[in-house]
């Protein structure tokens, strides 16, 4: 899943962010907008090659922790699925579309935080 660690090196204008769920969660490079979302790191916006790794990591967490949000791709759109909410009538997964600059703002409601490093 995290093969190709070169993808996880921050580029200019990016910060490392993580969701500190287990204490050993990976950090992902992203542009951070401090005014959107309620995360401690704002809503991180990931390059497509990093978004692929974030989706794989979410799914690995979902296998390890049933009830955690999982994700899948529909063409160029990431679908975030909350398995607990999905049992409700009319539930629709959250769509994360590729923005004009090619990035994905994944997890506006997640507890993203800036990673040390």
PDB file of N, CA and C in Angstrom:
ATOM      1  N   UNK A   1       0.825  -1.195   0.000  1.00  0.00           N
ATOM      2  CA  UNK A   1       0.000   0.000   0.000  1.00  0.00           C
ATOM      3  C   UNK A   1       0.863   1.252   0.000  1.00  0.00           C
ATOM      4  N   UNK A   2       1.863   1.302   0.848  1.00  0.00           N
ATOM      5  CA  UNK A   2       2.690   2.488   0.941  1.00  0.00           C
ATOM      6  C   UNK A   2       3.950   2.371   0.092  1.00  0.00           C
ATOM      7  N   UNK A   3       3.936   1.413  -0.837  1.00  0.00           N
ATOM      8  CA  UNK A   3       5.069   1.269  -1.761  1.00  0.00           C
ATOM      9  C   UNK A   3       5.205   2.559  -2.551  1.00  0.00           C
ATOM     10  N   UNK A   4       6.404   2.838  -2.956  1.00  0.00           N
ATOM     11  CA  UNK A   4       6.633   4.083  -3.673  1.00  0.00           C
ATOM     12  C   UNK A   4       6.649   5.247  -2.702  1.00  0.00           C
ATOM     13  N   UNK A   5       7.434   5.096  -1.639  1.00  0.00           N
ATOM     14  CA  UNK A   5       7.477   6.109  -0.587  1.00  0.00           C
ATOM     15  C   UNK A   5       7.840   7.484  -1.127  1.00  0.00           C
ATOM     16  N   UNK A   6       8.449   7.548  -2.315  1.00  0.00           N
ATOM     17  CA  UNK A   6       8.779   8.838  -2.915  1.00  0.00           C
ATOM     18  C   UNK A   6       7.536   9.709  -3.039  1.00  0.00           C
ATOM     19  N   UNK A   7       6.365   9.063  -3.201  1.00  0.00           N
ATOM     20  CA  UNK A   7       5.116   9.826  -3.310  1.00  0.00           C
ATOM     21  C   UNK A   7       4.778  10.540  -2.012  1.00  0.00           C
ATOM     22  N   UNK A   8       5.307  10.024  -0.905  1.00  0.00           N
ATOM     23  CA  UNK A   8       4.935  10.561   0.397  1.00  0.00           C
ATOM     24  C   UNK A   8       5.891  11.643   0.891  1.00  0.00           C
ATOM     25  N   UNK A   9       6.787  12.078   0.024  1.00  0.00           N
ATOM     26  CA  UNK A   9       7.672  13.197   0.360  1.00  0.00           C
ATOM     27  C   UNK A   9       6.961  14.493  -0.012  1.00  0.00           C
ATOM     28  N   UNK A  10       6.912  15.445   0.903  1.00  0.00           N
ATOM     29  CA  UNK A  10       6.221  16.704   0.585  1.00  0.00           C
ATOM     30  C   UNK A  10       6.926  17.490  -0.507  1.00  0.00           C
ATOM     31  N   UNK A  11       6.130  18.094  -1.352  1.00  0.00           N
ATOM     32  CA  UNK A  11       6.636  19.005  -2.367  1.00  0.00           C
ATOM     33  C   UNK A  11       6.517  20.431  -1.828  1.00  0.00           C
ATOM     34  N   UNK A  12       7.036  21.378  -2.559  1.00  0.00           N
ATOM     35  CA  UNK A  12       6.960  22.779  -2.147  1.00  0.00           C
ATOM     36  C   UNK A  12       5.497  23.159  -1.919  1.00  0.00           C
ATOM     37  N   UNK A  13       5.225  23.787  -0.782  1.00  0.00           N
ATOM     38  CA  UNK A  13       3.866  24.227  -0.460  1.00  0.00           C
ATOM     39  C   UNK A  13       3.019  23.178   0.223  1.00  0.00           C
ATOM     40  N   UNK A  14       3.593  22.010   0.524  1.00  0.00           N
ATOM     41  CA  UNK A  14       2.845  20.946   1.188  1.00  0.00           C
ATOM     42  C   UNK A  14       3.346  20.753   2.616  1.00  0.00           C
ATOM     43  N   UNK A  15       2.460  20.222   3.451  1.00  0.00           N
ATOM     44  CA  UNK A  15       2.795  19.842   4.818  1.00  0.00           C
ATOM     45  C   UNK A  15       2.410  18.381   4.987  1.00  0.00           C
ATOM     46  N   UNK A  16       3.016  17.724   5.948  1.00  0.00           N
ATOM     47  CA  UNK A  16       2.629  16.341   6.253  1.00  0.00           C
ATOM     48  C   UNK A  16       1.451  16.362   7.217  1.00  0.00           C
ATOM     49  N   UNK A  17       0.422  15.572   6.895  1.00  0.00           N
ATOM     50  CA  UNK A  17      -0.756  15.464   7.748  1.00  0.00           C
ATOM     51  C   UNK A  17      -1.045  13.999   8.029  1.00  0.00           C
ATOM     52  N   UNK A  18      -1.747  13.750   9.132  1.00  0.00           N
ATOM     53  CA  UNK A  18      -2.114  12.383   9.479  1.00  0.00           C
ATOM     54  C   UNK A  18      -3.387  12.403  10.307  1.00  0.00           C
ATOM     55  N   UNK A  19      -3.980  11.246  10.429  1.00  0.00           N
ATOM     56  CA  UNK A  19      -5.076  11.021  11.362  1.00  0.00           C
ATOM     57  C   UNK A  19      -4.481  10.138  12.442  1.00  0.00           C
ATOM     58  N   UNK A  20      -4.366  10.652  13.627  1.00  0.00           N
ATOM     59  CA  UNK A  20      -3.695   9.919  14.690  1.00  0.00           C
ATOM     60  C   UNK A  20      -4.669   8.971  15.384  1.00  0.00           C
ATOM     61  N   UNK A  21      -5.078   7.924  14.665  1.00  0.00           N
ATOM     62  CA  UNK A  21      -6.046   6.970  15.203  1.00  0.00           C
ATOM     63  C   UNK A  21      -5.380   5.895  16.043  1.00  0.00           C
ATOM     64  N   UNK A  22      -4.218   5.429  15.620  1.00  0.00           N
ATOM     65  CA  UNK A  22      -3.582   4.303  16.306  1.00  0.00           C
ATOM     66  C   UNK A  22      -2.261   4.683  16.956  1.00  0.00           C
ATOM     67  N   UNK A  23      -1.764   5.866  16.685  1.00  0.00           N
ATOM     68  CA  UNK A  23      -0.471   6.276  17.214  1.00  0.00           C
ATOM     69  C   UNK A  23       0.679   5.944  16.282  1.00  0.00           C
ATOM     70  N   UNK A  24       0.404   5.128  15.263  1.00  0.00           N
ATOM     71  CA  UNK A  24       1.456   4.781  14.301  1.00  0.00           C
ATOM     72  C   UNK A  24       0.962   4.955  12.868  1.00  0.00           C
ATOM     73  N   UNK A  25       0.075   5.906  12.681  1.00  0.00           N
ATOM     74  CA  UNK A  25      -0.500   6.135  11.360  1.00  0.00           C
ATOM     75  C   UNK A  25       0.478   6.881  10.464  1.00  0.00           C
ATOM     76  N   UNK A  26       0.451   6.598   9.154  1.00  0.00           N
ATOM     77  CA  UNK A  26       1.377   7.278   8.244  1.00  0.00           C
ATOM     78  C   UNK A  26       1.000   8.744   8.049  1.00  0.00           C
ATOM     79  N   UNK A  27       1.962   9.509   7.621  1.00  0.00           N
ATOM     80  CA  UNK A  27       1.738  10.916   7.288  1.00  0.00           C
ATOM     81  C   UNK A  27       1.723  11.047   5.770  1.00  0.00           C
ATOM     82  N   UNK A  28       0.887  11.938   5.290  1.00  0.00           N
ATOM     83  CA  UNK A  28       0.715  12.140   3.862  1.00  0.00           C
ATOM     84  C   UNK A  28       0.967  13.612   3.521  1.00  0.00           C
ATOM     85  N   UNK A  29       1.656  13.901   2.427  1.00  0.00           N
ATOM     86  CA  UNK A  29       1.876  15.295   2.035  1.00  0.00           C
ATOM     87  C   UNK A  29       0.623  15.874   1.383  1.00  0.00           C
ATOM     88  N   UNK A  30       0.312  17.102   1.767  1.00  0.00           N
ATOM     89  CA  UNK A  30      -0.881  17.757   1.229  1.00  0.00           C
ATOM     90  C   UNK A  30      -0.742  19.258   1.358  1.00  0.00           C
ATOM     91  N   UNK A  31      -1.479  19.966   0.519  1.00  0.00           N
ATOM     92  CA  UNK A  31      -1.652  21.397   0.738  1.00  0.00           C
ATOM     93  C   UNK A  31      -2.723  21.529   1.810  1.00  0.00           C
ATOM     94  N   UNK A  32      -2.523  22.464   2.719  1.00  0.00           N
ATOM     95  CA  UNK A  32      -3.447  22.619   3.834  1.00  0.00           C
ATOM     96  C   UNK A  32      -4.100  23.987   3.766  1.00  0.00           C
ATOM     97  N   UNK A  33      -5.424  23.997   3.810  1.00  0.00           N
ATOM     98  CA  UNK A  33      -6.192  25.232   3.826  1.00  0.00           C
ATOM     99  C   UNK A  33      -6.686  25.428   5.263  1.00  0.00           C
ATOM    100  N   UNK A  34      -6.129  26.372   5.986  1.00  0.00           N
ATOM    101  CA  UNK A  34      -6.461  26.509   7.402  1.00  0.00           C
ATOM    102  C   UNK A  34      -7.867  27.027   7.693  1.00  0.00           C
ATOM    103  N   UNK A  35      -8.615  27.462   6.685  1.00  0.00           N
ATOM    104  CA  UNK A  35      -9.935  28.017   6.960  1.00  0.00           C
ATOM    105  C   UNK A  35     -11.082  27.089   6.599  1.00  0.00           C
ATOM    106  N   UNK A  36     -10.816  25.971   5.924  1.00  0.00           N
ATOM    107  CA  UNK A  36     -11.918  25.091   5.556  1.00  0.00           C
ATOM    108  C   UNK A  36     -11.918  23.855   6.439  1.00  0.00           C
ATOM    109  N   UNK A  37     -13.093  23.316   6.656  1.00  0.00           N
ATOM    110  CA  UNK A  37     -13.208  22.129   7.498  1.00  0.00           C
ATOM    111  C   UNK A  37     -12.966  22.473   8.951  1.00  0.00           C
ATOM    112  N   UNK A  38     -13.066  21.490   9.803  1.00  0.00           N
ATOM    113  CA  UNK A  38     -12.838  21.737  11.223  1.00  0.00           C
ATOM    114  C   UNK A  38     -11.667  20.935  11.751  1.00  0.00           C
ATOM    115  N   UNK A  39     -10.937  20.295  10.866  1.00  0.00           N
ATOM    116  CA  UNK A  39      -9.760  19.545  11.282  1.00  0.00           C
ATOM    117  C   UNK A  39      -8.711  20.486  11.851  1.00  0.00           C
ATOM    118  N   UNK A  40      -7.866  19.944  12.671  1.00  0.00           N
ATOM    119  CA  UNK A  40      -6.784  20.744  13.235  1.00  0.00           C
ATOM    120  C   UNK A  40      -5.783  21.143  12.161  1.00  0.00           C
ATOM    121  N   UNK A  41      -5.801  20.465  11.027  1.00  0.00           N
ATOM    122  CA  UNK A  41      -4.895  20.806   9.928  1.00  0.00           C
ATOM    123  C   UNK A  41      -5.650  21.397   8.748  1.00  0.00           C
ATOM    124  N   UNK A  42      -6.906  21.774   8.926  1.00  0.00           N
ATOM    125  CA  UNK A  42      -7.704  22.219   7.800  1.00  0.00           C
ATOM    126  C   UNK A  42      -8.045  21.016   6.929  1.00  0.00           C
ATOM    127  N   UNK A  43      -8.653  21.242   5.801  1.00  0.00           N
ATOM    128  CA  UNK A  43      -8.948  20.137   4.892  1.00  0.00           C
ATOM    129  C   UNK A  43      -7.755  19.940   3.979  1.00  0.00           C
ATOM    130  N   UNK A  44      -7.025  18.839   4.140  1.00  0.00           N
ATOM    131  CA  UNK A  44      -5.856  18.635   3.291  1.00  0.00           C
ATOM    132  C   UNK A  44      -6.263  18.326   1.852  1.00  0.00           C
ATOM    133  N   UNK A  45      -5.479  18.831   0.917  1.00  0.00           N
ATOM    134  CA  UNK A  45      -5.709  18.616  -0.502  1.00  0.00           C
ATOM    135  C   UNK A  45      -4.522  17.848  -1.045  1.00  0.00           C
ATOM    136  N   UNK A  46      -4.803  16.631  -1.540  1.00  0.00           N
ATOM    137  CA  UNK A  46      -3.753  15.693  -1.928  1.00  0.00           C
ATOM    138  C   UNK A  46      -3.554  15.636  -3.435  1.00  0.00           C
ATOM    139  N   UNK A  47      -2.273  15.494  -3.850  1.00  0.00           N
ATOM    140  CA  UNK A  47      -1.961  15.196  -5.247  1.00  0.00           C
ATOM    141  C   UNK A  47      -2.609  13.858  -5.603  1.00  0.00           C
ATOM    142  N   UNK A  48      -2.929  13.614  -6.877  1.00  0.00           N
ATOM    143  CA  UNK A  48      -3.550  12.343  -7.255  1.00  0.00           C
ATOM    144  C   UNK A  48      -2.746  11.113  -6.832  1.00  0.00           C
ATOM    145  N   UNK A  49      -1.420  11.154  -6.973  1.00  0.00           N
ATOM    146  CA  UNK A  49      -0.629   9.975  -6.603  1.00  0.00           C
ATOM    147  C   UNK A  49      -0.652   9.722  -5.104  1.00  0.00           C
ATOM    148  N   UNK A  50      -0.820  10.777  -4.305  1.00  0.00           N
ATOM    149  CA  UNK A  50      -0.948  10.613  -2.854  1.00  0.00           C
ATOM    150  C   UNK A  50      -2.381  10.196  -2.508  1.00  0.00           C
ATOM    151  N   UNK A  51      -3.363  10.722  -3.217  1.00  0.00           N
ATOM    152  CA  UNK A  51      -4.759  10.346  -2.966  1.00  0.00           C
ATOM    153  C   UNK A  51      -4.957   8.842  -3.124  1.00  0.00           C
ATOM    154  N   UNK A  52      -4.270   8.243  -4.078  1.00  0.00           N
ATOM    155  CA  UNK A  52      -4.344   6.788  -4.273  1.00  0.00           C
ATOM    156  C   UNK A  52      -3.893   6.069  -3.007  1.00  0.00           C
ATOM    157  N   UNK A  53      -2.828   6.550  -2.398  1.00  0.00           N
ATOM    158  CA  UNK A  53      -2.301   5.928  -1.182  1.00  0.00           C
ATOM    159  C   UNK A  53      -3.243   6.186  -0.006  1.00  0.00           C
ATOM    160  N   UNK A  54      -3.813   7.389   0.086  1.00  0.00           N
ATOM    161  CA  UNK A  54      -4.755   7.698   1.166  1.00  0.00           C
ATOM    162  C   UNK A  54      -5.967   6.775   1.080  1.00  0.00           C
ATOM    163  N   UNK A  55      -6.510   6.562  -0.115  1.00  0.00           N
ATOM    164  CA  UNK A  55      -7.657   5.666  -0.292  1.00  0.00           C
ATOM    165  C   UNK A  55      -7.287   4.246   0.139  1.00  0.00           C
ATOM    166  N   UNK A  56      -6.122   3.763  -0.268  1.00  0.00           N
ATOM    167  CA  UNK A  56      -5.686   2.421   0.129  1.00  0.00           C
ATOM    168  C   UNK A  56      -5.541   2.320   1.640  1.00  0.00           C
ATOM    169  N   UNK A  57      -5.010   3.369   2.270  1.00  0.00           N
ATOM    170  CA  UNK A  57      -4.841   3.366   3.723  1.00  0.00           C
ATOM    171  C   UNK A  57      -6.190   3.364   4.434  1.00  0.00           C
ATOM    172  N   UNK A  58      -7.145   4.178   3.938  1.00  0.00           N
ATOM    173  CA  UNK A  58      -8.490   4.175   4.530  1.00  0.00           C
ATOM    174  C   UNK A  58      -9.095   2.779   4.478  1.00  0.00           C
ATOM    175  N   UNK A  59      -8.924   2.093   3.366  1.00  0.00           N
ATOM    176  CA  UNK A  59      -9.489   0.752   3.230  1.00  0.00           C
ATOM    177  C   UNK A  59      -8.787  -0.251   4.133  1.00  0.00           C
ATOM    178  N   UNK A  60      -7.482  -0.107   4.306  1.00  0.00           N
ATOM    179  CA  UNK A  60      -6.761  -0.980   5.242  1.00  0.00           C
ATOM    180  C   UNK A  60      -7.273  -0.752   6.661  1.00  0.00           C
ATOM    181  N   UNK A  61      -7.520   0.500   7.017  1.00  0.00           N
ATOM    182  CA  UNK A  61      -8.078   0.809   8.342  1.00  0.00           C
ATOM    183  C   UNK A  61      -9.481   0.219   8.488  1.00  0.00           C
ATOM    184  N   UNK A  62     -10.262   0.310   7.423  1.00  0.00           N
ATOM    185  CA  UNK A  62     -11.616  -0.239   7.452  1.00  0.00           C
ATOM    186  C   UNK A  62     -11.636  -1.743   7.666  1.00  0.00           C
ATOM    187  N   UNK A  63     -10.637  -2.441   7.125  1.00  0.00           N
ATOM    188  CA  UNK A  63     -10.545  -3.888   7.356  1.00  0.00           C
ATOM    189  C   UNK A  63     -10.136  -4.184   8.793  1.00  0.00           C
ATOM    190  N   UNK A  64      -9.268  -3.357   9.328  1.00  0.00           N
ATOM    191  CA  UNK A  64      -8.776  -3.578  10.686  1.00  0.00           C
ATOM    192  C   UNK A  64      -9.778  -3.098  11.739  1.00  0.00           C
ATOM    193  N   UNK A  65     -10.495  -2.028  11.431  1.00  0.00           N
ATOM    194  CA  UNK A  65     -11.447  -1.432  12.373  1.00  0.00           C
ATOM    195  C   UNK A  65     -12.815  -1.317  11.711  1.00  0.00           C
ATOM    196  N   UNK A  66     -13.623  -2.373  11.772  1.00  0.00           N
ATOM    197  CA  UNK A  66     -14.952  -2.319  11.145  1.00  0.00           C
ATOM    198  C   UNK A  66     -15.733  -1.095  11.646  1.00  0.00           C
ATOM    199  N   UNK A  67     -16.369  -0.430  10.724  1.00  0.00           N
ATOM    200  CA  UNK A  67     -17.107   0.780  11.048  1.00  0.00           C
ATOM    201  C   UNK A  67     -16.360   2.042  10.665  1.00  0.00           C
ATOM    202  N   UNK A  68     -15.066   1.914  10.366  1.00  0.00           N
ATOM    203  CA  UNK A  68     -14.294   3.077   9.924  1.00  0.00           C
ATOM    204  C   UNK A  68     -14.656   3.410   8.480  1.00  0.00           C
ATOM    205  N   UNK A  69     -14.518   4.666   8.119  1.00  0.00           N
ATOM    206  CA  UNK A  69     -14.801   5.097   6.755  1.00  0.00           C
ATOM    207  C   UNK A  69     -13.871   4.392   5.771  1.00  0.00           C
ATOM    208  N   UNK A  70     -14.441   3.920   4.677  1.00  0.00           N
ATOM    209  CA  UNK A  70     -13.672   3.310   3.591  1.00  0.00           C
ATOM    210  C   UNK A  70     -13.902   4.141   2.328  1.00  0.00           C
ATOM    211  N   UNK A  71     -13.152   3.847   1.288  1.00  0.00           N
ATOM    212  CA  UNK A  71     -13.244   4.648   0.072  1.00  0.00           C
ATOM    213  C   UNK A  71     -13.089   3.772  -1.154  1.00  0.00           C
ATOM    214  N   UNK A  72     -13.624   4.253  -2.262  1.00  0.00           N
ATOM    215  CA  UNK A  72     -13.433   3.581  -3.544  1.00  0.00           C
ATOM    216  C   UNK A  72     -13.478   4.630  -4.637  1.00  0.00           C
ATOM    217  N   UNK A  73     -13.003   4.235  -5.793  1.00  0.00           N
ATOM    218  CA  UNK A  73     -12.940   5.133  -6.934  1.00  0.00           C
ATOM    219  C   UNK A  73     -14.092   4.859  -7.884  1.00  0.00           C
ATOM    220  N   UNK A  74     -14.711   5.912  -8.386  1.00  0.00           N
ATOM    221  CA  UNK A  74     -15.634   5.860  -9.524  1.00  0.00           C
ATOM    222  C   UNK A  74     -15.057   6.835 -10.543  1.00  0.00           C
ATOM    223  N   UNK A  75     -14.418   6.283 -11.539  1.00  0.00           N
ATOM    224  CA  UNK A  75     -13.688   7.091 -12.514  1.00  0.00           C
ATOM    225  C   UNK A  75     -12.656   7.947 -11.777  1.00  0.00           C
ATOM    226  N   UNK A  76     -12.744   9.272 -11.885  1.00  0.00           N
ATOM    227  CA  UNK A  76     -11.794  10.161 -11.211  1.00  0.00           C
ATOM    228  C   UNK A  76     -12.349  10.734  -9.912  1.00  0.00           C
ATOM    229  N   UNK A  77     -13.404  10.141  -9.391  1.00  0.00           N
ATOM    230  CA  UNK A  77     -14.041  10.608  -8.162  1.00  0.00           C
ATOM    231  C   UNK A  77     -13.800   9.598  -7.050  1.00  0.00           C
ATOM    232  N   UNK A  78     -13.439  10.108  -5.873  1.00  0.00           N
ATOM    233  CA  UNK A  78     -13.296   9.254  -4.694  1.00  0.00           C
ATOM    234  C   UNK A  78     -14.632   9.255  -3.961  1.00  0.00           C
ATOM    235  N   UNK A  79     -15.109   8.088  -3.636  1.00  0.00           N
ATOM    236  CA  UNK A  79     -16.343   7.934  -2.874  1.00  0.00           C
ATOM    237  C   UNK A  79     -15.973   7.505  -1.453  1.00  0.00           C
ATOM    238  N   UNK A  80     -16.371   8.306  -0.465  1.00  0.00           N
ATOM    239  CA  UNK A  80     -16.130   7.979   0.934  1.00  0.00           C
ATOM    240  C   UNK A  80     -17.402   7.366   1.501  1.00  0.00           C
ATOM    241  N   UNK A  81     -17.271   6.187   2.057  1.00  0.00           N
ATOM    242  CA  UNK A  81     -18.425   5.429   2.544  1.00  0.00           C
ATOM    243  C   UNK A  81     -18.302   5.218   4.049  1.00  0.00           C
ATOM    244  N   UNK A  82     -19.271   5.737   4.779  1.00  0.00           N
ATOM    245  CA  UNK A  82     -19.356   5.521   6.220  1.00  0.00           C
ATOM    246  C   UNK A  82     -20.239   4.295   6.429  1.00  0.00           C
ATOM    247  N   UNK A  83     -19.656   3.129   6.770  1.00  0.00           N
ATOM    248  CA  UNK A  83     -20.449   1.907   6.864  1.00  0.00           C
ATOM    249  C   UNK A  83     -21.554   1.974   7.910  1.00  0.00           C
ATOM    250  N   UNK A  84     -21.383   2.766   8.944  1.00  0.00           N
ATOM    251  CA  UNK A  84     -22.416   2.876   9.976  1.00  0.00           C
ATOM    252  C   UNK A  84     -23.605   3.691   9.480  1.00  0.00           C
ATOM    253  N   UNK A  85     -23.332   4.742   8.732  1.00  0.00           N
ATOM    254  CA  UNK A  85     -24.403   5.575   8.190  1.00  0.00           C
ATOM    255  C   UNK A  85     -25.040   4.945   6.958  1.00  0.00           C
ATOM    256  N   UNK A  86     -24.308   4.072   6.275  1.00  0.00           N
ATOM    257  CA  UNK A  86     -24.783   3.487   5.021  1.00  0.00           C
ATOM    258  C   UNK A  86     -26.035   2.637   5.192  1.00  0.00           C
ATOM    259  N   UNK A  87     -26.334   2.220   6.397  1.00  0.00           N
ATOM    260  CA  UNK A  87     -27.535   1.397   6.622  1.00  0.00           C
ATOM    261  C   UNK A  87     -28.800   2.244   6.661  1.00  0.00           C
ATOM    262  N   UNK A  88     -28.655   3.562   6.682  1.00  0.00           N
ATOM    263  CA  UNK A  88     -29.805   4.462   6.721  1.00  0.00           C
ATOM    264  C   UNK A  88     -30.400   4.623   5.325  1.00  0.00           C
ATOM    265  N   UNK A  89     -31.717   4.672   5.246  1.00  0.00           N
ATOM    266  CA  UNK A  89     -32.387   4.917   3.970  1.00  0.00           C
ATOM    267  C   UNK A  89     -31.914   6.247   3.390  1.00  0.00           C
ATOM    268  N   UNK A  90     -31.636   6.252   2.123  1.00  0.00           N
ATOM    269  CA  UNK A  90     -31.264   7.466   1.423  1.00  0.00           C
ATOM    270  C   UNK A  90     -29.809   7.868   1.581  1.00  0.00           C
ATOM    271  N   UNK A  91     -29.009   7.053   2.256  1.00  0.00           N
ATOM    272  CA  UNK A  91     -27.599   7.400   2.432  1.00  0.00           C
ATOM    273  C   UNK A  91     -26.902   7.458   1.075  1.00  0.00           C
ATOM    274  N   UNK A  92     -26.079   8.460   0.906  1.00  0.00           N
ATOM    275  CA  UNK A  92     -25.282   8.616  -0.310  1.00  0.00           C
ATOM    276  C   UNK A  92     -23.830   8.843   0.128  1.00  0.00           C
ATOM    277  N   UNK A  93     -22.886   8.086  -0.408  1.00  0.00           N
ATOM    278  CA  UNK A  93     -21.479   8.313  -0.053  1.00  0.00           C
ATOM    279  C   UNK A  93     -21.049   9.732  -0.404  1.00  0.00           C
ATOM    280  N   UNK A  94     -20.087  10.228   0.321  1.00  0.00           N
ATOM    281  CA  UNK A  94     -19.519  11.550   0.048  1.00  0.00           C
ATOM    282  C   UNK A  94     -18.635  11.461  -1.192  1.00  0.00           C
ATOM    283  N   UNK A  95     -18.874  12.357  -2.132  1.00  0.00           N
ATOM    284  CA  UNK A  95     -18.076  12.389  -3.349  1.00  0.00           C
ATOM    285  C   UNK A  95     -16.956  13.411  -3.205  1.00  0.00           C
ATOM    286  N   UNK A  96     -15.759  12.989  -3.509  1.00  0.00           N
ATOM    287  CA  UNK A  96     -14.605  13.890  -3.508  1.00  0.00           C
ATOM    288  C   UNK A  96     -14.139  13.976  -4.954  1.00  0.00           C
ATOM    289  N   UNK A  97     -14.442  15.104  -5.580  1.00  0.00           N
ATOM    290  CA  UNK A  97     -14.089  15.281  -6.990  1.00  0.00           C
ATOM    291  C   UNK A  97     -12.709  15.905  -7.112  1.00  0.00           C
ATOM    292  N   UNK A  98     -12.094  15.620  -8.225  1.00  0.00           N
ATOM    293  CA  UNK A  98     -10.782  16.210  -8.523  1.00  0.00           C
ATOM    294  C   UNK A  98     -10.990  17.692  -8.790  1.00  0.00           C
ATOM    295  N   UNK A  99     -10.259  18.519  -8.064  1.00  0.00           N
ATOM    296  CA  UNK A  99     -10.406  19.958  -8.198  1.00  0.00           C
ATOM    297  C   UNK A  99      -9.689  20.461  -9.442  1.00  0.00           C
ATOM    298  N   UNK A 100      -9.893  21.708  -9.775  1.00  0.00           N
ATOM    299  CA  UNK A 100      -9.333  22.284 -10.994  1.00  0.00           C
ATOM    300  C   UNK A 100      -7.813  22.137 -11.071  1.00  0.00           C
ATOM    301  N   UNK A 101      -7.143  22.173  -9.916  1.00  0.00           N
ATOM    302  CA  UNK A 101      -5.680  22.034  -9.910  1.00  0.00           C
ATOM    303  C   UNK A 101      -5.236  20.579  -9.835  1.00  0.00           C
ATOM    304  N   UNK A 102      -6.194  19.652  -9.901  1.00  0.00           N
ATOM    305  CA  UNK A 102      -5.867  18.232  -9.913  1.00  0.00           C
ATOM    306  C   UNK A 102      -5.827  17.569  -8.547  1.00  0.00           C
ATOM    307  N   UNK A 103      -6.025  18.326  -7.479  1.00  0.00           N
ATOM    308  CA  UNK A 103      -5.941  17.766  -6.127  1.00  0.00           C
ATOM    309  C   UNK A 103      -7.301  17.306  -5.623  1.00  0.00           C
ATOM    310  N   UNK A 104      -7.247  16.459  -4.588  1.00  0.00           N
ATOM    311  CA  UNK A 104      -8.438  15.923  -3.933  1.00  0.00           C
ATOM    312  C   UNK A 104      -8.458  16.374  -2.481  1.00  0.00           C
ATOM    313  N   UNK A 105      -9.547  17.010  -2.046  1.00  0.00           N
ATOM    314  CA  UNK A 105      -9.728  17.422  -0.650  1.00  0.00           C
ATOM    315  C   UNK A 105     -10.451  16.282   0.069  1.00  0.00           C
ATOM    316  N   UNK A 106      -9.682  15.409   0.669  1.00  0.00           N
ATOM    317  CA  UNK A 106     -10.236  14.195   1.279  1.00  0.00           C
ATOM    318  C   UNK A 106     -10.455  14.403   2.769  1.00  0.00           C
ATOM    319  N   UNK A 107     -11.669  14.111   3.220  1.00  0.00           N
ATOM    320  CA  UNK A 107     -11.946  14.055   4.645  1.00  0.00           C
ATOM    321  C   UNK A 107     -12.085  15.390   5.336  1.00  0.00           C
ATOM    322  N   UNK A 108     -12.966  16.249   4.839  1.00  0.00           N
ATOM    323  CA  UNK A 108     -13.190  17.544   5.481  1.00  0.00           C
ATOM    324  C   UNK A 108     -13.633  17.370   6.932  1.00  0.00           C
ATOM    325  N   UNK A 109     -14.288  16.265   7.251  1.00  0.00           N
ATOM    326  CA  UNK A 109     -14.761  16.022   8.611  1.00  0.00           C
ATOM    327  C   UNK A 109     -13.874  15.062   9.387  1.00  0.00           C
ATOM    328  N   UNK A 110     -12.763  14.666   8.808  1.00  0.00           N
ATOM    329  CA  UNK A 110     -11.830  13.783   9.506  1.00  0.00           C
ATOM    330  C   UNK A 110     -11.002  14.604  10.494  1.00  0.00           C
ATOM    331  N   UNK A 111     -10.406  13.946  11.431  1.00  0.00           N
ATOM    332  CA  UNK A 111      -9.538  14.595  12.418  1.00  0.00           C
ATOM    333  C   UNK A 111      -8.093  14.649  11.917  1.00  0.00           C
ATOM    334  N   UNK A 112      -7.881  15.316  10.797  1.00  0.00           N
ATOM    335  CA  UNK A 112      -6.527  15.483  10.282  1.00  0.00           C
ATOM    336  C   UNK A 112      -5.745  16.384  11.229  1.00  0.00           C
ATOM    337  N   UNK A 113      -4.487  16.110  11.379  1.00  0.00           N
ATOM    338  CA  UNK A 113      -3.599  16.983  12.129  1.00  0.00           C
ATOM    339  C   UNK A 113      -2.255  17.048  11.428  1.00  0.00           C
ATOM    340  N   UNK A 114      -1.532  18.105  11.691  1.00  0.00           N
ATOM    341  CA  UNK A 114      -0.186  18.217  11.117  1.00  0.00           C
ATOM    342  C   UNK A 114       0.709  17.190  11.781  1.00  0.00           C
ATOM    343  N   UNK A 115       1.489  16.528  10.980  1.00  0.00           N
ATOM    344  CA  UNK A 115       2.433  15.528  11.491  1.00  0.00           C
ATOM    345  C   UNK A 115       3.750  16.215  11.826  1.00  0.00           C
ATOM    346  N   UNK A 116       4.421  15.679  12.789  1.00  0.00           N
ATOM    347  CA  UNK A 116       5.746  16.203  13.125  1.00  0.00           C
ATOM    348  C   UNK A 116       6.706  15.767  12.040  1.00  0.00           C
ATOM    349  N   UNK A 117       7.668  16.559  11.758  1.00  0.00           N
ATOM    350  CA  UNK A 117       8.665  16.150  10.772  1.00  0.00           C
ATOM    351  C   UNK A 117       8.817  17.125   9.748  1.00  0.00           C
TER     352      UNK A 117
END
